[in-house]
PDB file of N, CA and C in Angstrom:
ATOM      1  N   UNK A   1      97.653 166.612 218.297  1.00  0.00           N
ATOM      2  CA  UNK A   1      98.388 166.720 217.009  1.00  0.00           C
ATOM      3  C   UNK A   1     100.137 166.103 217.381  1.00  0.00           C
ATOM      4  N   UNK A   2     100.310 164.933 216.684  1.00  0.00           N
ATOM      5  CA  UNK A   2     101.977 164.596 217.328  1.00  0.00           C
ATOM      6  C   UNK A   2     102.962 165.453 216.842  1.00  0.00           C
ATOM      7  N   UNK A   3     103.940 165.723 217.064  1.00  0.00           N
ATOM      8  CA  UNK A   3     104.896 166.565 216.631  1.00  0.00           C
ATOM      9  C   UNK A   3     105.235 167.963 216.553  1.00  0.00           C
ATOM     10  N   UNK A   4     103.872 168.498 217.300  1.00  0.00           N
ATOM     11  CA  UNK A   4     103.957 170.117 216.943  1.00  0.00           C
ATOM     12  C   UNK A   4     103.871 170.191 218.783  1.00  0.00           C
ATOM     13  N   UNK A   5     104.675 171.185 218.724  1.00  0.00           N
ATOM     14  CA  UNK A   5     104.929 172.011 220.330  1.00  0.00           C
ATOM     15  C   UNK A   5     103.772 172.838 220.643  1.00  0.00           C
ATOM     16  N   UNK A   6     103.014 173.280 219.801  1.00  0.00           N
ATOM     17  CA  UNK A   6     102.033 174.406 220.217  1.00  0.00           C
ATOM     18  C   UNK A   6     102.501 176.052 219.983  1.00  0.00           C
ATOM     19  N   UNK A   7     103.634 175.695 219.745  1.00  0.00           N
ATOM     20  CA  UNK A   7     104.438 177.140 219.429  1.00  0.00           C
ATOM     21  C   UNK A   7     103.877 178.331 218.419  1.00  0.00           C
ATOM     22  N   UNK A   8     103.595 178.873 218.689  1.00  0.00           N
ATOM     23  CA  UNK A   8     103.185 179.917 217.518  1.00  0.00           C
ATOM     24  C   UNK A   8     104.458 180.542 216.448  1.00  0.00           C
ATOM     25  N   UNK A   9     104.479 179.839 215.237  1.00  0.00           N
ATOM     26  CA  UNK A   9     105.422 180.432 214.220  1.00  0.00           C
ATOM     27  C   UNK A   9     105.209 181.588 213.495  1.00  0.00           C
ATOM     28  N   UNK A  10     105.965 182.514 213.543  1.00  0.00           N
ATOM     29  CA  UNK A  10     105.816 183.947 213.046  1.00  0.00           C
ATOM     30  C   UNK A  10     106.810 184.063 211.321  1.00  0.00           C
ATOM     31  N   UNK A  11     105.916 184.140 210.615  1.00  0.00           N
ATOM     32  CA  UNK A  11     106.590 184.061 209.104  1.00  0.00           C
ATOM     33  C   UNK A  11     106.424 185.615 208.287  1.00  0.00           C
ATOM     34  N   UNK A  12     107.319 186.023 207.837  1.00  0.00           N
ATOM     35  CA  UNK A  12     107.172 187.057 207.137  1.00  0.00           C
ATOM     36  C   UNK A  12     107.643 187.076 205.508  1.00  0.00           C
ATOM     37  N   UNK A  13     107.324 188.010 204.816  1.00  0.00           N
ATOM     38  CA  UNK A  13     107.375 187.813 203.371  1.00  0.00           C
ATOM     39  C   UNK A  13     108.793 188.011 203.210  1.00  0.00           C
ATOM     40  N   UNK A  14     109.352 189.142 203.801  1.00  0.00           N
ATOM     41  CA  UNK A  14     110.750 188.771 203.538  1.00  0.00           C
ATOM     42  C   UNK A  14     111.420 189.321 204.947  1.00  0.00           C
ATOM     43  N   UNK A  15     112.530 188.763 205.130  1.00  0.00           N
ATOM     44  CA  UNK A  15     113.265 188.486 206.580  1.00  0.00           C
ATOM     45  C   UNK A  15     114.811 189.877 206.531  1.00  0.00           C
ATOM     46  N   UNK A  16     114.858 189.887 205.011  1.00  0.00           N
ATOM     47  CA  UNK A  16     116.274 191.094 204.868  1.00  0.00           C
ATOM     48  C   UNK A  16     115.868 191.904 203.781  1.00  0.00           C
ATOM     49  N   UNK A  17     116.458 193.403 204.107  1.00  0.00           N
ATOM     50  CA  UNK A  17     116.883 194.112 203.223  1.00  0.00           C
ATOM     51  C   UNK A  17     117.672 193.663 201.695  1.00  0.00           C
ATOM     52  N   UNK A  18     118.537 192.689 202.193  1.00  0.00           N
ATOM     53  CA  UNK A  18     119.292 192.304 201.299  1.00  0.00           C
ATOM     54  C   UNK A  18     118.608 191.519 200.343  1.00  0.00           C
ATOM     55  N   UNK A  19     117.584 190.555 200.908  1.00  0.00           N
ATOM     56  CA  UNK A  19     116.740 190.120 199.786  1.00  0.00           C
ATOM     57  C   UNK A  19     116.068 190.906 199.170  1.00  0.00           C
ATOM     58  N   UNK A  20     115.512 191.824 199.584  1.00  0.00           N
ATOM     59  CA  UNK A  20     114.363 192.737 198.954  1.00  0.00           C
ATOM     60  C   UNK A  20     115.446 193.422 197.855  1.00  0.00           C
ATOM     61  N   UNK A  21     116.644 193.851 197.752  1.00  0.00           N
ATOM     62  CA  UNK A  21     117.411 194.261 196.964  1.00  0.00           C
ATOM     63  C   UNK A  21     118.010 193.233 195.539  1.00  0.00           C
ATOM     64  N   UNK A  22     118.282 192.034 196.115  1.00  0.00           N
ATOM     65  CA  UNK A  22     118.267 191.129 195.338  1.00  0.00           C
ATOM     66  C   UNK A  22     117.129 191.277 194.282  1.00  0.00           C
ATOM     67  N   UNK A  23     115.882 190.630 194.905  1.00  0.00           N
ATOM     68  CA  UNK A  23     114.963 190.285 193.847  1.00  0.00           C
ATOM     69  C   UNK A  23     114.475 191.839 192.922  1.00  0.00           C
ATOM     70  N   UNK A  24     114.832 192.845 193.590  1.00  0.00           N
ATOM     71  CA  UNK A  24     114.698 193.855 192.716  1.00  0.00           C
ATOM     72  C   UNK A  24     115.548 194.160 191.772  1.00  0.00           C
ATOM     73  N   UNK A  25     116.641 193.491 191.954  1.00  0.00           N
ATOM     74  CA  UNK A  25     117.789 193.805 190.858  1.00  0.00           C
ATOM     75  C   UNK A  25     117.728 192.491 189.874  1.00  0.00           C
ATOM     76  N   UNK A  26     116.827 191.352 190.259  1.00  0.00           N
ATOM     77  CA  UNK A  26     116.485 190.278 189.385  1.00  0.00           C
ATOM     78  C   UNK A  26     115.555 190.781 188.384  1.00  0.00           C
ATOM     79  N   UNK A  27     114.426 191.289 188.994  1.00  0.00           N
ATOM     80  CA  UNK A  27     113.491 192.086 188.262  1.00  0.00           C
ATOM     81  C   UNK A  27     113.693 193.040 187.404  1.00  0.00           C
ATOM     82  N   UNK A  28     114.802 193.807 187.742  1.00  0.00           N
ATOM     83  CA  UNK A  28     115.287 194.808 186.834  1.00  0.00           C
ATOM     84  C   UNK A  28     116.040 194.341 185.854  1.00  0.00           C
ATOM     85  N   UNK A  29     116.827 193.445 185.727  1.00  0.00           N
ATOM     86  CA  UNK A  29     117.704 192.754 184.858  1.00  0.00           C
ATOM     87  C   UNK A  29     116.616 191.834 183.999  1.00  0.00           C
ATOM     88  N   UNK A  30     115.744 191.384 184.626  1.00  0.00           N
ATOM     89  CA  UNK A  30     115.018 190.567 183.503  1.00  0.00           C
ATOM     90  C   UNK A  30     114.230 191.605 182.569  1.00  0.00           C
ATOM     91  N   UNK A  31     113.482 192.583 183.162  1.00  0.00           N
ATOM     92  CA  UNK A  31     112.805 193.544 182.641  1.00  0.00           C
ATOM     93  C   UNK A  31     113.570 194.327 181.258  1.00  0.00           C
ATOM     94  N   UNK A  32     114.984 194.732 181.664  1.00  0.00           N
ATOM     95  CA  UNK A  32     116.084 194.871 180.876  1.00  0.00           C
ATOM     96  C   UNK A  32     116.069 194.022 179.587  1.00  0.00           C
ATOM     97  N   UNK A  33     116.504 192.477 179.864  1.00  0.00           N
ATOM     98  CA  UNK A  33     116.479 191.768 178.851  1.00  0.00           C
ATOM     99  C   UNK A  33     115.397 191.613 177.665  1.00  0.00           C
ATOM    100  N   UNK A  34     114.181 191.725 178.532  1.00  0.00           N
ATOM    101  CA  UNK A  34     113.016 191.403 177.628  1.00  0.00           C
ATOM    102  C   UNK A  34     112.624 192.984 176.908  1.00  0.00           C
ATOM    103  N   UNK A  35     113.549 193.562 177.044  1.00  0.00           N
ATOM    104  CA  UNK A  35     113.457 195.181 176.117  1.00  0.00           C
ATOM    105  C   UNK A  35     112.507 196.158 177.080  1.00  0.00           C
ATOM    106  N   UNK A  36     112.018 196.122 178.339  1.00  0.00           N
ATOM    107  CA  UNK A  36     111.510 197.092 178.593  1.00  0.00           C
ATOM    108  C   UNK A  36     112.182 198.320 179.324  1.00  0.00           C
ATOM    109  N   UNK A  37     111.427 199.697 179.813  1.00  0.00           N
ATOM    110  CA  UNK A  37     112.158 199.962 180.684  1.00  0.00           C
ATOM    111  C   UNK A  37     111.638 200.027 181.984  1.00  0.00           C
ATOM    112  N   UNK A  38     112.830 199.175 183.029  1.00  0.00           N
ATOM    113  CA  UNK A  38     112.878 198.414 183.836  1.00  0.00           C
ATOM    114  C   UNK A  38     111.862 199.819 185.101  1.00  0.00           C
ATOM    115  N   UNK A  39     112.510 200.945 185.130  1.00  0.00           N
ATOM    116  CA  UNK A  39     112.188 201.467 186.035  1.00  0.00           C
ATOM    117  C   UNK A  39     110.603 202.249 186.133  1.00  0.00           C
ATOM    118  N   UNK A  40     110.239 202.427 184.535  1.00  0.00           N
ATOM    119  CA  UNK A  40     108.724 202.624 184.520  1.00  0.00           C
ATOM    120  C   UNK A  40     107.811 201.447 184.763  1.00  0.00           C
ATOM    121  N   UNK A  41     108.523 200.436 184.394  1.00  0.00           N
ATOM    122  CA  UNK A  41     107.644 199.176 184.736  1.00  0.00           C
ATOM    123  C   UNK A  41     107.561 198.714 186.575  1.00  0.00           C
ATOM    124  N   UNK A  42     108.534 199.130 187.184  1.00  0.00           N
ATOM    125  CA  UNK A  42     108.491 198.794 188.691  1.00  0.00           C
ATOM    126  C   UNK A  42     107.617 199.806 189.233  1.00  0.00           C
ATOM    127  N   UNK A  43     107.603 201.168 188.772  1.00  0.00           N
ATOM    128  CA  UNK A  43     106.949 201.954 189.171  1.00  0.00           C
ATOM    129  C   UNK A  43     105.422 201.563 188.927  1.00  0.00           C
ATOM    130  N   UNK A  44     105.108 201.712 187.930  1.00  0.00           N
ATOM    131  CA  UNK A  44     103.773 201.138 187.573  1.00  0.00           C
ATOM    132  C   UNK A  44     103.009 199.910 188.264  1.00  0.00           C
ATOM    133  N   UNK A  45     103.844 198.874 188.871  1.00  0.00           N
ATOM    134  CA  UNK A  45     103.660 197.796 189.505  1.00  0.00           C
ATOM    135  C   UNK A  45     103.430 198.444 190.904  1.00  0.00           C
ATOM    136  N   UNK A  46     104.428 199.417 191.548  1.00  0.00           N
ATOM    137  CA  UNK A  46     104.527 199.636 192.764  1.00  0.00           C
ATOM    138  C   UNK A  46     102.981 200.516 192.962  1.00  0.00           C
ATOM    139  N   UNK A  47     102.322 201.161 191.865  1.00  0.00           N
ATOM    140  CA  UNK A  47     101.351 202.345 192.171  1.00  0.00           C
ATOM    141  C   UNK A  47     100.147 201.572 191.925  1.00  0.00           C
ATOM    142  N   UNK A  48      99.966 200.562 190.976  1.00  0.00           N
ATOM    143  CA  UNK A  48      99.054 199.646 190.676  1.00  0.00           C
ATOM    144  C   UNK A  48      98.755 198.794 191.409  1.00  0.00           C
ATOM    145  N   UNK A  49      99.733 197.882 191.711  1.00  0.00           N
ATOM    146  CA  UNK A  49      99.891 196.426 192.383  1.00  0.00           C
ATOM    147  C   UNK A  49      99.514 195.528 191.504  1.00  0.00           C
ATOM    148  N   UNK A  50      99.483 196.074 190.208  1.00  0.00           N
ATOM    149  CA  UNK A  50      99.331 195.248 188.680  1.00  0.00           C
ATOM    150  C   UNK A  50     100.152 194.269 188.667  1.00  0.00           C
ATOM    151  N   UNK A  51     100.183 193.046 188.788  1.00  0.00           N
ATOM    152  CA  UNK A  51     101.628 192.354 188.361  1.00  0.00           C
ATOM    153  C   UNK A  51     101.918 192.078 186.932  1.00  0.00           C
ATOM    154  N   UNK A  52     101.137 192.606 186.282  1.00  0.00           N
ATOM    155  CA  UNK A  52     101.315 192.151 184.500  1.00  0.00           C
ATOM    156  C   UNK A  52     102.274 193.366 184.231  1.00  0.00           C
ATOM    157  N   UNK A  53     102.709 194.583 185.220  1.00  0.00           N
ATOM    158  CA  UNK A  53     103.804 195.314 185.129  1.00  0.00           C
ATOM    159  C   UNK A  53     104.761 194.696 184.696  1.00  0.00           C
ATOM    160  N   UNK A  54     104.994 193.311 185.185  1.00  0.00           N
ATOM    161  CA  UNK A  54     106.327 192.726 185.531  1.00  0.00           C
ATOM    162  C   UNK A  54     106.355 191.570 184.767  1.00  0.00           C
ATOM    163  N   UNK A  55     107.040 191.408 183.989  1.00  0.00           N
ATOM    164  CA  UNK A  55     107.240 190.220 182.928  1.00  0.00           C
ATOM    165  C   UNK A  55     107.465 188.826 183.757  1.00  0.00           C
ATOM    166  N   UNK A  56     107.069 187.732 182.976  1.00  0.00           N
ATOM    167  CA  UNK A  56     107.112 186.597 183.787  1.00  0.00           C
ATOM    168  C   UNK A  56     108.891 185.849 183.504  1.00  0.00           C
ATOM    169  N   UNK A  57     109.231 186.462 182.436  1.00  0.00           N
ATOM    170  CA  UNK A  57     110.769 186.164 182.134  1.00  0.00           C
ATOM    171  C   UNK A  57     111.499 186.093 183.554  1.00  0.00           C
ATOM    172  N   UNK A  58     112.037 184.599 183.454  1.00  0.00           N
ATOM    173  CA  UNK A  58     113.066 184.646 184.929  1.00  0.00           C
ATOM    174  C   UNK A  58     112.356 184.789 185.933  1.00  0.00           C
ATOM    175  N   UNK A  59     110.915 184.390 185.787  1.00  0.00           N
ATOM    176  CA  UNK A  59     110.207 184.303 187.551  1.00  0.00           C
ATOM    177  C   UNK A  59     109.908 185.504 188.164  1.00  0.00           C
ATOM    178  N   UNK A  60     110.054 186.734 187.000  1.00  0.00           N
ATOM    179  CA  UNK A  60     110.081 188.143 187.699  1.00  0.00           C
ATOM    180  C   UNK A  60     108.791 188.210 188.226  1.00  0.00           C
ATOM    181  N   UNK A  61     108.042 188.373 187.836  1.00  0.00           N
ATOM    182  CA  UNK A  61     106.914 188.302 188.427  1.00  0.00           C
ATOM    183  C   UNK A  61     106.226 187.817 189.811  1.00  0.00           C
ATOM    184  N   UNK A  62     106.833 186.325 189.846  1.00  0.00           N
ATOM    185  CA  UNK A  62     106.702 185.965 191.129  1.00  0.00           C
ATOM    186  C   UNK A  62     107.649 186.271 192.061  1.00  0.00           C
ATOM    187  N   UNK A  63     108.833 186.635 191.683  1.00  0.00           N
ATOM    188  CA  UNK A  63     109.205 187.441 192.874  1.00  0.00           C
ATOM    189  C   UNK A  63     109.205 188.712 193.067  1.00  0.00           C
ATOM    190  N   UNK A  64     108.711 189.636 192.544  1.00  0.00           N
ATOM    191  CA  UNK A  64     108.349 191.120 192.684  1.00  0.00           C
ATOM    192  C   UNK A  64     107.019 190.913 193.629  1.00  0.00           C
ATOM    193  N   UNK A  65     106.120 189.719 193.493  1.00  0.00           N
ATOM    194  CA  UNK A  65     105.079 189.798 194.319  1.00  0.00           C
ATOM    195  C   UNK A  65     105.102 188.921 195.836  1.00  0.00           C
ATOM    196  N   UNK A  66     106.529 188.907 195.996  1.00  0.00           N
ATOM    197  CA  UNK A  66     106.981 188.280 197.248  1.00  0.00           C
ATOM    198  C   UNK A  66     107.347 189.355 198.238  1.00  0.00           C
ATOM    199  N   UNK A  67     107.280 190.706 197.730  1.00  0.00           N
ATOM    200  CA  UNK A  67     107.919 192.046 198.025  1.00  0.00           C
ATOM    201  C   UNK A  67     106.273 192.524 198.676  1.00  0.00           C
ATOM    202  N   UNK A  68     106.583 192.967 199.813  1.00  0.00           N
ATOM    203  CA  UNK A  68     105.372 193.939 200.495  1.00  0.00           C
ATOM    204  C   UNK A  68     105.801 195.476 199.781  1.00  0.00           C
ATOM    205  N   UNK A  69     104.557 195.720 199.495  1.00  0.00           N
ATOM    206  CA  UNK A  69     105.045 197.199 198.565  1.00  0.00           C
ATOM    207  C   UNK A  69     104.897 198.346 199.832  1.00  0.00           C
ATOM    208  N   UNK A  70     104.320 198.192 201.004  1.00  0.00           N
ATOM    209  CA  UNK A  70     104.499 199.224 201.672  1.00  0.00           C
ATOM    210  C   UNK A  70     105.785 198.864 202.121  1.00  0.00           C
ATOM    211  N   UNK A  71     106.638 198.234 202.457  1.00  0.00           N
ATOM    212  CA  UNK A  71     107.724 197.686 203.271  1.00  0.00           C
ATOM    213  C   UNK A  71     108.878 198.370 201.668  1.00  0.00           C
ATOM    214  N   UNK A  72     108.576 197.808 200.613  1.00  0.00           N
ATOM    215  CA  UNK A  72     109.550 198.559 199.608  1.00  0.00           C
ATOM    216  C   UNK A  72     109.523 199.836 199.110  1.00  0.00           C
ATOM    217  N   UNK A  73     108.332 200.454 199.819  1.00  0.00           N
ATOM    218  CA  UNK A  73     108.523 202.067 199.510  1.00  0.00           C
ATOM    219  C   UNK A  73     108.862 202.719 200.553  1.00  0.00           C
ATOM    220  N   UNK A  74     108.908 202.156 201.759  1.00  0.00           N
ATOM    221  CA  UNK A  74     109.817 202.520 203.084  1.00  0.00           C
ATOM    222  C   UNK A  74     111.177 202.551 202.670  1.00  0.00           C
ATOM    223  N   UNK A  75     111.381 201.472 202.122  1.00  0.00           N
ATOM    224  CA  UNK A  75     112.513 201.486 202.053  1.00  0.00           C
ATOM    225  C   UNK A  75     113.282 202.290 200.946  1.00  0.00           C
ATOM    226  N   UNK A  76     112.743 202.090 199.893  1.00  0.00           N
ATOM    227  CA  UNK A  76     113.404 203.109 198.706  1.00  0.00           C
ATOM    228  C   UNK A  76     113.219 204.465 199.130  1.00  0.00           C
ATOM    229  N   UNK A  77     112.244 205.125 199.829  1.00  0.00           N
ATOM    230  CA  UNK A  77     112.505 206.560 200.197  1.00  0.00           C
ATOM    231  C   UNK A  77     113.761 206.365 201.183  1.00  0.00           C
ATOM    232  N   UNK A  78     113.854 205.400 202.376  1.00  0.00           N
ATOM    233  CA  UNK A  78     114.742 205.894 203.167  1.00  0.00           C
ATOM    234  C   UNK A  78     116.283 205.774 202.206  1.00  0.00           C
ATOM    235  N   UNK A  79     116.267 204.710 201.024  1.00  0.00           N
ATOM    236  CA  UNK A  79     117.758 204.633 200.369  1.00  0.00           C
ATOM    237  C   UNK A  79     117.908 206.048 199.780  1.00  0.00           C
ATOM    238  N   UNK A  80     116.505 206.720 199.226  1.00  0.00           N
ATOM    239  CA  UNK A  80     116.864 207.806 198.717  1.00  0.00           C
ATOM    240  C   UNK A  80     117.139 209.092 199.423  1.00  0.00           C
ATOM    241  N   UNK A  81     116.442 209.049 200.402  1.00  0.00           N
ATOM    242  CA  UNK A  81     117.241 210.308 201.748  1.00  0.00           C
ATOM    243  C   UNK A  81     118.275 209.942 202.486  1.00  0.00           C
ATOM    244  N   UNK A  82     119.052 208.655 202.503  1.00  0.00           N
ATOM    245  CA  UNK A  82     120.201 208.046 202.798  1.00  0.00           C
ATOM    246  C   UNK A  82     119.736 208.163 204.551  1.00  0.00           C
ATOM    247  N   UNK A  83     118.780 207.683 204.852  1.00  0.00           N
ATOM    248  CA  UNK A  83     118.202 207.665 206.484  1.00  0.00           C
ATOM    249  C   UNK A  83     118.508 206.288 206.547  1.00  0.00           C
TER     250      UNK A  83
END
């Protein structure tokens, strides 16, 4: 193949905590605008991995699906415990 170096490239779902926070805030705000309880809906999504807990409004469902649930839970626990 021309133009390839043969090097392996590693891609991650999300590279930064700031991006994770930005996505969560955006999803939270979209749920608020649509009249849902954002905390309940996000928790429902995290526990079930059922994206229908999240509205499609403002691309919120697509955004939250970019987050790795395990990484999200780890980060939420770290922040909660301030570690």
